Each structure stands twice: as C-alpha cells, then as structure tokens.
Protein backbone atom coordinates (compact mmCIF):
# COMPACT_ATOMS: atom_id res chain seq x y z
CA MET A 1 -0.33 66.49 -143.84
CA THR A 2 3.13 64.94 -144.14
CA GLU A 3 5.36 65.96 -147.05
CA ASP A 4 7.81 63.05 -146.71
CA ARG A 5 5.38 60.27 -147.60
CA GLN A 6 6.44 58.31 -150.66
CA ILE A 7 2.78 57.87 -151.59
CA HIS A 8 0.65 61.00 -151.40
CA ARG A 9 -2.88 60.27 -150.24
CA VAL A 10 -5.57 61.82 -152.44
CA ALA A 11 -9.22 62.66 -151.76
CA ILE A 12 -11.70 63.41 -154.54
CA ALA A 13 -14.59 65.83 -153.96
CA GLY A 14 -17.18 65.08 -156.62
CA TYR A 15 -17.35 61.52 -157.92
CA GLY A 16 -19.24 61.83 -161.19
CA VAL A 17 -17.92 61.18 -164.69
CA VAL A 18 -14.88 63.43 -164.30
CA GLY A 19 -14.11 62.46 -160.71
CA LYS A 20 -14.09 58.76 -161.60
CA ARG A 21 -11.86 59.37 -164.57
CA ARG A 22 -9.47 61.39 -162.43
CA ARG A 23 -9.32 58.54 -159.94
CA ASP A 24 -8.39 56.10 -162.68
CA PHE A 25 -5.29 58.12 -163.54
CA ILE A 26 -4.51 59.09 -159.95
CA ASP A 27 -4.30 55.44 -158.94
CA ARG A 28 -2.10 54.63 -161.95
CA HIS A 29 0.53 57.13 -160.76
CA LYS A 30 3.27 55.66 -158.59
CA ASP A 31 3.21 58.55 -156.10
CA LEU A 32 -0.56 58.91 -155.64
CA LYS A 33 -3.36 56.83 -154.14
CA THR A 34 -7.05 57.65 -153.70
CA VAL A 35 -8.02 57.19 -150.05
CA ALA A 36 -11.49 58.80 -149.92
CA VAL A 37 -14.17 60.31 -152.16
CA CYS A 38 -17.43 62.20 -151.74
CA ASP A 39 -20.51 62.84 -153.82
CA ARG A 40 -24.02 63.97 -152.97
CA THR A 41 -25.47 61.02 -154.91
CA PHE A 42 -24.15 58.56 -152.33
CA GLY A 43 -26.86 59.59 -149.87
CA GLY A 44 -24.69 58.63 -146.93
CA THR A 45 -21.33 57.16 -145.96
CA GLY A 46 -19.86 53.76 -146.67
CA ILE A 47 -16.94 51.80 -148.05
CA PHE A 48 -16.42 50.58 -151.61
CA ASP A 49 -15.55 46.95 -152.25
CA ASP A 50 -11.91 47.98 -152.70
CA GLY A 51 -11.85 49.45 -149.18
CA THR A 52 -12.06 53.13 -150.16
CA PRO A 53 -14.42 55.08 -147.90
CA TYR A 54 -16.99 57.40 -149.43
CA PHE A 55 -18.97 60.30 -148.01
CA GLU A 56 -21.91 62.45 -149.01
CA THR A 57 -20.53 65.95 -148.41
CA PRO A 58 -17.21 67.79 -148.83
CA ASP A 59 -17.29 68.70 -145.14
CA GLN A 60 -17.23 65.00 -144.22
CA LEU A 61 -14.45 64.37 -146.71
CA LEU A 62 -12.33 67.21 -145.38
CA GLU A 63 -12.31 65.61 -141.93
CA GLN A 64 -10.27 62.71 -143.32
CA ASP A 65 -6.47 62.40 -143.45
CA PHE A 66 -4.97 63.06 -146.89
CA ASP A 67 -2.32 65.12 -148.66
CA ALA A 68 -4.01 66.35 -151.84
CA LEU A 69 -7.56 67.16 -152.86
CA PHE A 70 -9.08 66.89 -156.33
CA VAL A 71 -12.12 69.14 -156.71
CA CYS A 72 -14.62 67.95 -159.34
CA MET A 73 -17.65 69.84 -158.02
CA THR A 74 -20.29 72.05 -159.61
CA ASN A 75 -19.19 75.59 -160.42
CA ASP A 76 -21.10 77.21 -157.56
CA ILE A 77 -19.09 75.41 -154.86
CA ALA A 78 -15.79 74.59 -156.60
CA ALA A 79 -14.06 77.70 -155.28
CA ASP A 80 -15.32 77.19 -151.72
CA VAL A 81 -14.15 73.56 -151.62
CA THR A 82 -10.78 74.58 -153.11
CA ILE A 83 -10.39 77.21 -150.39
CA ALA A 84 -11.35 74.68 -147.72
CA GLY A 85 -8.69 72.31 -149.01
CA LEU A 86 -5.99 74.97 -148.90
CA GLU A 87 -7.07 76.02 -145.42
CA LYS A 88 -6.81 72.38 -144.34
CA GLY A 89 -3.20 72.46 -145.50
CA VAL A 90 -3.38 70.14 -148.51
CA HIS A 91 -2.44 70.56 -152.16
CA VAL A 92 -5.43 71.13 -154.47
CA PHE A 93 -6.20 70.25 -158.07
CA CYS A 94 -9.46 71.85 -159.26
CA GLU A 95 -11.28 71.19 -162.52
CA LYS A 96 -12.12 74.06 -164.85
CA PRO A 97 -13.80 76.45 -164.57
CA PRO A 98 -12.40 77.67 -161.25
CA GLY A 99 -15.84 78.99 -160.31
CA ARG A 100 -18.73 80.98 -161.71
CA THR A 101 -16.97 84.35 -161.84
CA VAL A 102 -13.62 86.12 -161.69
CA GLU A 103 -14.43 86.99 -158.10
CA ASP A 104 -14.41 83.26 -157.24
CA ILE A 105 -10.86 82.71 -158.46
CA LYS A 106 -9.71 85.94 -156.81
CA ARG A 107 -11.02 84.61 -153.48
CA VAL A 108 -9.06 81.40 -154.01
CA ILE A 109 -5.86 83.26 -154.88
CA SER A 110 -6.10 85.37 -151.73
CA VAL A 111 -6.08 82.14 -149.69
CA GLU A 112 -3.39 80.53 -151.86
CA LYS A 113 -1.05 83.43 -151.07
CA ARG A 114 -1.33 82.60 -147.37
CA HIS A 115 -0.11 79.04 -148.06
CA PRO A 116 2.92 79.40 -150.37
CA SER A 117 4.14 75.84 -149.71
CA LEU A 118 0.95 74.33 -151.15
CA LYS A 119 0.41 73.55 -154.83
CA LEU A 120 -2.76 74.68 -156.61
CA LYS A 121 -3.42 73.50 -160.14
CA TYR A 122 -6.43 73.89 -162.46
CA GLY A 123 -7.54 71.29 -164.99
CA PHE A 124 -6.96 73.00 -168.34
CA ASN A 125 -6.55 69.55 -169.82
CA HIS A 126 -6.27 70.55 -173.48
CA ARG A 127 -2.79 72.00 -172.89
CA TYR A 128 -1.59 68.44 -172.36
CA HIS A 129 -2.73 66.99 -175.68
CA ASP A 130 0.24 66.02 -177.85
CA SER A 131 -1.14 67.91 -180.84
CA VAL A 132 -1.32 71.13 -178.81
CA ARG A 133 2.15 70.67 -177.35
CA ASP A 134 3.63 69.96 -180.79
CA ALA A 135 1.84 72.96 -182.29
CA LEU A 136 3.16 75.18 -179.51
CA GLY A 137 6.65 73.93 -180.24
CA VAL A 138 6.34 74.86 -183.92
CA VAL A 139 4.96 78.32 -183.15
CA ARG A 140 7.54 79.11 -180.49
CA SER A 141 10.41 77.93 -182.67
CA GLY A 142 9.88 80.98 -184.87
CA GLU A 143 10.23 78.87 -188.02
CA LEU A 144 6.95 80.20 -189.43
CA GLY A 145 7.32 83.75 -188.18
CA PRO A 146 4.96 85.66 -185.88
CA ILE A 147 1.26 84.90 -185.46
CA LEU A 148 -1.09 87.00 -187.60
CA ASN A 149 -4.46 85.66 -186.47
CA LEU A 150 -6.31 82.75 -184.91
CA ARG A 151 -9.72 81.21 -185.61
CA GLY A 152 -11.17 78.80 -183.07
CA VAL A 153 -14.38 76.75 -183.14
CA TYR A 154 -15.37 74.45 -180.29
CA GLY A 155 -18.90 73.10 -180.34
CA LYS A 156 -21.25 70.32 -179.47
CA SER A 157 -24.93 69.60 -180.04
CA LYS A 158 -26.27 70.64 -176.63
CA ILE A 159 -25.15 71.96 -173.28
CA VAL A 160 -26.11 68.90 -171.21
CA SER A 161 -23.89 66.02 -172.27
CA PHE A 162 -23.63 63.69 -169.28
CA GLY A 163 -27.27 62.80 -168.64
CA GLU A 164 -29.79 64.18 -166.20
CA ALA A 165 -27.18 64.56 -163.47
CA SER A 166 -25.66 67.43 -165.45
CA THR A 167 -28.77 69.55 -165.90
CA TRP A 168 -27.15 71.98 -163.44
CA ARG A 169 -25.12 73.18 -166.44
CA THR A 170 -28.22 74.95 -167.77
CA GLN A 171 -28.90 76.82 -164.51
CA ARG A 172 -27.08 80.13 -164.26
CA ALA A 173 -27.24 80.21 -160.45
CA ILE A 174 -25.18 77.01 -160.32
CA ALA A 175 -23.15 77.06 -163.53
CA GLY A 176 -22.51 80.79 -163.86
CA GLY A 177 -22.50 80.53 -167.65
CA GLY A 178 -23.29 78.20 -170.52
CA ILE A 179 -21.31 76.68 -173.36
CA LEU A 180 -18.57 79.35 -173.26
CA LEU A 181 -17.76 78.84 -169.58
CA ASP A 182 -18.30 75.07 -169.68
CA GLN A 183 -16.48 74.05 -172.87
CA GLY A 184 -15.37 77.17 -174.75
CA ILE A 185 -13.10 78.09 -171.84
CA HIS A 186 -10.65 75.50 -173.18
CA MET A 187 -10.44 77.34 -176.50
CA VAL A 188 -10.12 80.69 -174.71
CA ASP A 189 -7.23 79.25 -172.69
CA LEU A 190 -5.51 77.87 -175.80
CA MET A 191 -5.82 81.17 -177.68
CA ARG A 192 -4.19 82.92 -174.74
CA LEU A 193 -1.49 80.23 -174.63
CA PHE A 194 -0.55 80.79 -178.27
CA ALA A 195 -1.17 84.52 -178.74
CA GLY A 196 -0.89 86.11 -175.30
CA GLU A 197 -3.39 88.47 -173.74
CA PHE A 198 -6.23 90.12 -175.67
CA GLU A 199 -7.01 93.73 -174.80
CA GLU A 200 -9.91 94.51 -177.18
CA VAL A 201 -12.99 92.28 -177.20
CA HIS A 202 -16.27 92.36 -179.14
CA SER A 203 -18.94 89.68 -178.91
CA PHE A 204 -22.44 88.37 -179.57
CA ILE A 205 -23.93 86.06 -176.93
CA SER A 206 -27.16 84.14 -177.52
CA ASN A 207 -29.46 81.55 -176.00
CA ALA A 208 -31.92 81.80 -178.89
CA PHE A 209 -32.04 78.10 -179.74
CA TRP A 210 -32.08 76.07 -176.51
CA HIS A 211 -33.61 78.92 -174.45
CA HIS A 212 -31.80 77.85 -171.30
CA ASP A 213 -30.90 80.34 -168.60
CA VAL A 214 -27.37 80.35 -170.05
CA GLU A 215 -25.94 80.95 -173.51
CA ASP A 216 -25.86 78.32 -176.24
CA ASN A 217 -23.62 80.35 -178.58
CA ALA A 218 -20.83 82.86 -178.04
CA TYR A 219 -19.07 84.66 -180.88
CA ALA A 220 -16.01 86.76 -180.05
CA LEU A 221 -13.61 88.97 -182.02
CA MET A 222 -10.52 89.91 -180.06
CA ARG A 223 -7.19 91.69 -180.56
CA THR A 224 -3.90 91.66 -178.66
CA PRO A 225 -1.82 94.80 -178.01
CA GLY A 226 0.48 93.59 -180.79
CA GLY A 227 -2.34 93.37 -183.33
CA VAL A 228 -2.96 89.61 -183.38
CA VAL A 229 -6.67 89.03 -184.05
CA GLY A 230 -8.55 86.07 -182.60
CA MET A 231 -11.99 84.87 -183.68
CA LEU A 232 -13.83 82.42 -181.43
CA HIS A 233 -17.11 80.54 -181.77
CA SER A 234 -18.23 78.49 -178.78
CA SER A 235 -21.40 76.61 -179.67
CA ALA A 236 -24.04 74.24 -178.32
CA THR A 237 -25.68 74.03 -181.75
CA GLN A 238 -22.77 72.34 -183.54
CA TRP A 239 -24.64 69.18 -184.55
CA ARG A 240 -21.45 67.40 -185.52
CA HIS A 241 -19.13 67.95 -182.57
CA ARG A 242 -16.16 70.03 -183.63
CA PHE A 243 -12.82 71.26 -182.35
CA GLN A 244 -10.62 73.35 -184.64
CA LEU A 245 -7.99 76.02 -184.07
CA ASP A 246 -6.38 77.64 -187.12
CA ILE A 247 -3.26 79.69 -186.38
CA THR A 248 -2.00 81.75 -189.30
CA LEU A 249 1.61 82.91 -189.17
CA ALA A 250 3.72 85.09 -191.45
CA LYS A 251 5.30 82.10 -193.22
CA GLY A 252 2.64 79.43 -192.92
CA ALA A 253 0.03 78.04 -190.57
CA VAL A 254 -0.62 75.56 -187.80
CA ILE A 255 -4.03 73.84 -187.75
CA LEU A 256 -5.35 71.81 -184.83
CA SER A 257 -8.36 69.70 -185.77
CA GLY A 258 -10.27 67.18 -183.69
CA ILE A 259 -9.51 66.32 -180.09
CA LEU A 260 -9.35 62.90 -178.47
CA SER A 261 -12.00 62.91 -175.75
CA GLY A 262 -13.99 60.51 -173.63
CA SER A 263 -16.94 60.74 -176.02
CA LYS A 264 -14.75 60.02 -179.09
CA SER A 265 -17.08 62.34 -181.01
CA TYR A 266 -14.71 65.11 -182.11
CA GLY A 267 -13.02 63.12 -184.84
CA ALA A 268 -9.37 62.29 -185.35
CA GLU A 269 -6.91 64.53 -183.51
CA THR A 270 -4.55 66.01 -186.09
CA LEU A 271 -1.93 68.72 -186.44
CA THR A 272 -1.37 70.24 -189.87
CA VAL A 273 1.75 72.35 -190.41
CA VAL A 274 1.70 74.53 -193.53
CA TRP A 275 4.76 76.10 -195.17
CA ALA A 276 3.80 79.02 -197.44
CA ASN A 277 5.94 80.59 -200.14
CA GLU A 278 5.51 83.04 -202.99
CA ARG A 279 5.29 80.29 -205.65
CA ASP A 280 2.73 77.95 -204.08
CA GLN A 281 -0.28 79.76 -205.67
CA GLY A 282 -2.40 79.20 -202.59
CA ASP A 283 -1.67 75.46 -202.41
CA PRO A 284 1.32 75.25 -200.06
CA ARG A 285 3.21 72.24 -198.83
CA GLU A 286 1.77 70.78 -195.66
CA GLN A 287 2.33 67.92 -193.28
CA VAL A 288 -0.43 66.22 -191.30
CA THR A 289 0.25 64.31 -188.08
CA ARG A 290 -2.47 62.11 -186.61
CA TYR A 291 -2.55 61.30 -182.90
CA ASN A 292 -4.03 58.02 -181.72
CA LYS A 293 -3.40 58.23 -177.97
CA ASP A 294 -4.45 60.78 -175.37
CA PRO A 295 -1.77 61.20 -172.68
CA SER A 296 -3.30 64.41 -171.35
CA TRP A 297 -5.03 63.07 -168.26
CA ALA A 298 -2.00 61.07 -167.09
CA ASP A 299 0.50 63.82 -167.91
CA GLU A 300 -1.54 66.53 -166.23
CA ILE A 301 -1.71 64.54 -163.01
CA ALA A 302 1.98 63.64 -163.31
CA ASP A 303 2.85 67.35 -163.47
CA PHE A 304 0.81 67.99 -160.33
CA ALA A 305 2.51 65.10 -158.51
CA LEU A 306 5.95 66.33 -159.63
CA ALA A 307 5.25 69.83 -158.32
CA ILE A 308 4.24 68.37 -154.95
CA ARG A 309 7.28 66.11 -154.75
CA SER A 310 9.86 68.63 -155.99
CA GLY A 311 8.38 71.84 -154.62
CA GLY A 312 8.49 73.32 -158.11
CA SER A 313 6.00 75.73 -159.59
CA ILE A 314 2.88 74.90 -161.58
CA ALA A 315 3.79 75.42 -165.24
CA ASP A 316 0.38 74.87 -166.86
CA GLY A 317 -2.95 75.49 -165.14
CA SER A 318 -1.66 77.80 -162.43
CA SER A 319 -4.03 80.09 -160.54
CA ASP A 320 -2.68 82.95 -162.67
CA ASP A 321 -3.65 81.03 -165.83
CA ALA A 322 -7.09 80.43 -164.35
CA LEU A 323 -7.53 84.09 -163.41
CA LYS A 324 -6.51 85.46 -166.81
CA THR A 325 -8.62 82.94 -168.72
CA MET A 326 -11.65 83.68 -166.53
CA GLN A 327 -11.10 87.41 -166.97
CA LEU A 328 -11.16 86.98 -170.75
CA VAL A 329 -14.27 84.79 -170.59
CA GLU A 330 -16.09 87.44 -168.56
CA ARG A 331 -14.93 90.17 -170.92
CA ILE A 332 -16.49 88.21 -173.78
CA TYR A 333 -19.77 88.04 -171.85
CA ARG A 334 -19.67 91.74 -170.99
CA ALA A 335 -18.82 92.84 -174.53
CA ASP A 336 -22.32 92.06 -175.78
CA PRO A 337 -24.48 94.99 -174.55
CA GLU A 338 -27.74 93.04 -174.84
CA TRP A 339 -26.41 90.06 -172.88
CA ARG A 340 -24.88 92.36 -170.28
CA ALA A 341 -28.22 94.16 -169.87
CA ARG A 342 -29.98 90.82 -169.48
CA TRP A 343 -27.63 89.90 -166.64
CA TYR A 344 -28.50 93.15 -164.90
CA ARG A 345 -32.20 92.53 -165.43
CA ASP A 346 -32.38 88.81 -164.62
CA GLY A 347 -29.38 88.19 -162.39
CA GLY A 348 -28.23 91.26 -160.56
CA ALA A 349 -25.66 89.48 -158.39
CA ASN A 350 -23.93 87.96 -161.40
CA ALA A 351 -24.06 91.26 -163.23
CA ARG A 352 -22.38 93.08 -160.38
CA ARG A 353 -19.62 90.47 -160.32
CA MET A 354 -19.11 90.91 -164.04
CA ASN A 355 -19.01 94.68 -163.68
CA ASN A 356 -16.25 94.39 -161.11
CA ALA A 357 -14.18 91.85 -163.05
C-alpha cells in the first residue's frame, strides 16, 4: 500500500445492495476509486464493462493491489474479513454490525492495535444525517438543559427486507441476532451518542410473531449512572415503518422523526425543537425543520477519506464506538432471562459469548 497516492484505490468485499450503494459514493469522491469487488453471487471471476475486475471470494479480492477495503459482508464473516484487511496493511471501513458478538469486535480491536497507522471505521450511518447532527448541536449547546429521558422506536414490517438474498438475516448462526442487531443497533448507537453509557438494563426479547431463529421485537429500559432513562423498542412488526427518537430535556425537547433511507418508507425526516415554560400549559412553542436531502452516505465516506489523507482519528464510527454499542446490544439480549436461557438451550456457543461479554 502506498500512502502518497492522490487517489486511494478501494476494494469492496460484498457487492449486494449496500456494497453497490457504497461504490456509488466512493467513486463520487475525488480521492477514492473502486478498483475491485467480490461477491459470492458472481460464481467466478471477470471484468465489468467499466473495466473493474470482480471476484467470488474475499481471499481472491485480498490478493489484489489496493489501499482501502470496504466490508459489506454477512455478520458471520465481517470481522474475519476486516481483520484480513488490516493484516494486509490497508485501511478498512466495515458496515454495522461489526460482527455477531462482542467477541468479534474485540478480536478486530486486538489486530487494529498492532497497526496504529491504519484507519478503521464502522458504518453507523445515522450519525451523519443532518437531523441527527442538528439535534446533537441543540442538546450539546445546553440551551434546553440536561437530558431527562429518551424514547426510541425503530421498526419495520419484517426482518428480511432485501429479497431472498437476505434470508441469512433470519438465521442466528449467520446473523447473530435479529431486528435489534440488524436495525435497532442504529437506535442503540444514537441513544449512546446523546445520553452516554447505560449501566442498568432491563428487557423483553421475543420472536413470537415471525418465529424465526432470531428476535422480531426487543423492548429495553435502561438507565445511565447520572439517572437518564432510555426506553427502546426495536421491532419487525411495525407495519408502517417508523423511526422516532424523543429526547426530553429540563427546558424542552428534541424530537427526531422519520429518516431518509433507500426505501423511502420511513416518512419525512424532521427535527422538532420544543421550548417549554411554566405558562405554556402543556402546549409549548416548537419549531419543525424538514430535511429533503440525505448527505449521510457521502459525508461518512468523506470522513473516512479525510482520516486516511490527514492521519487524523476516526470521530464517528470508531472501533471504540462499535465495541460500546455492541456491548449494550448484548446486554439488552442478556437482560431477558427467558431469552438468555433459550440461547443456552438452543445455541450454546452464542450463549457463552454473551456470558463473557
């Protein structure tokens, strides 16, 4: 790998819906260019019409010459491919989740520490939505006082959302978890971003509706050392897709509703800022901002490219972010005694990983 190239050559491991979308924004960036991709669906090697070579396996891809690797693989191999990229000596951007368990991200971090010059970033894309960034600015300004509590709902109508190719999401051995690990992890990450770390966790986990090998609903009640309470519902039985995060502060509230996504099914992305006072009689002044563009994919990749070029640190989506978010996700799973017992009964290896998290 050469650090002085003006254009950093990028390889993409996993060329499904997300991998293709990543390539679109990679190739729009002035410092990045996709030079090779791999996906098991190719069934062999070849060259696209635009001259980009493609391969069937990550091993074949890793033999090529490039500077940065984007990992868009299934959860069971994401950590291994990330490690292989770091060991090759290239920068790595890995989609969420970082693996199936906390142990996966810990293995990655142990390798990352041996390569301090390399950049490792995880795709917690929601941090880069303008509504989230603006809300964070309001909260951190102190204008509305300290946070009292948070309520987050993130749901869709089923676990499989990208066609038959994504049925792996319902298989615990591959996915590691269901709707909480697949989609709810974004809400977990945002609640940590706004409120800090949660030390007390209670939960109910259920697969009572879809009856997959993984959960279709997760309900969590959490509290920080400072007393901030967070309530989370991650659902695959939310028939109208929904994203909402209500943050109540001492002098008002910040409400995130809707999220611009590829499916366009979560409604308008808005930020409502509420100013409370003693005379408003429960009907305070509020201001609603609507967002019509989603810069998150481009900005996230731009941050990664900037860290590579400048040698700076990863501000959002670092391995530490990934570790702490995964630790909280696993604590939510473990907090339900019935679900924890089921993991011991039906999936001993996963249960042991959870027990050691």
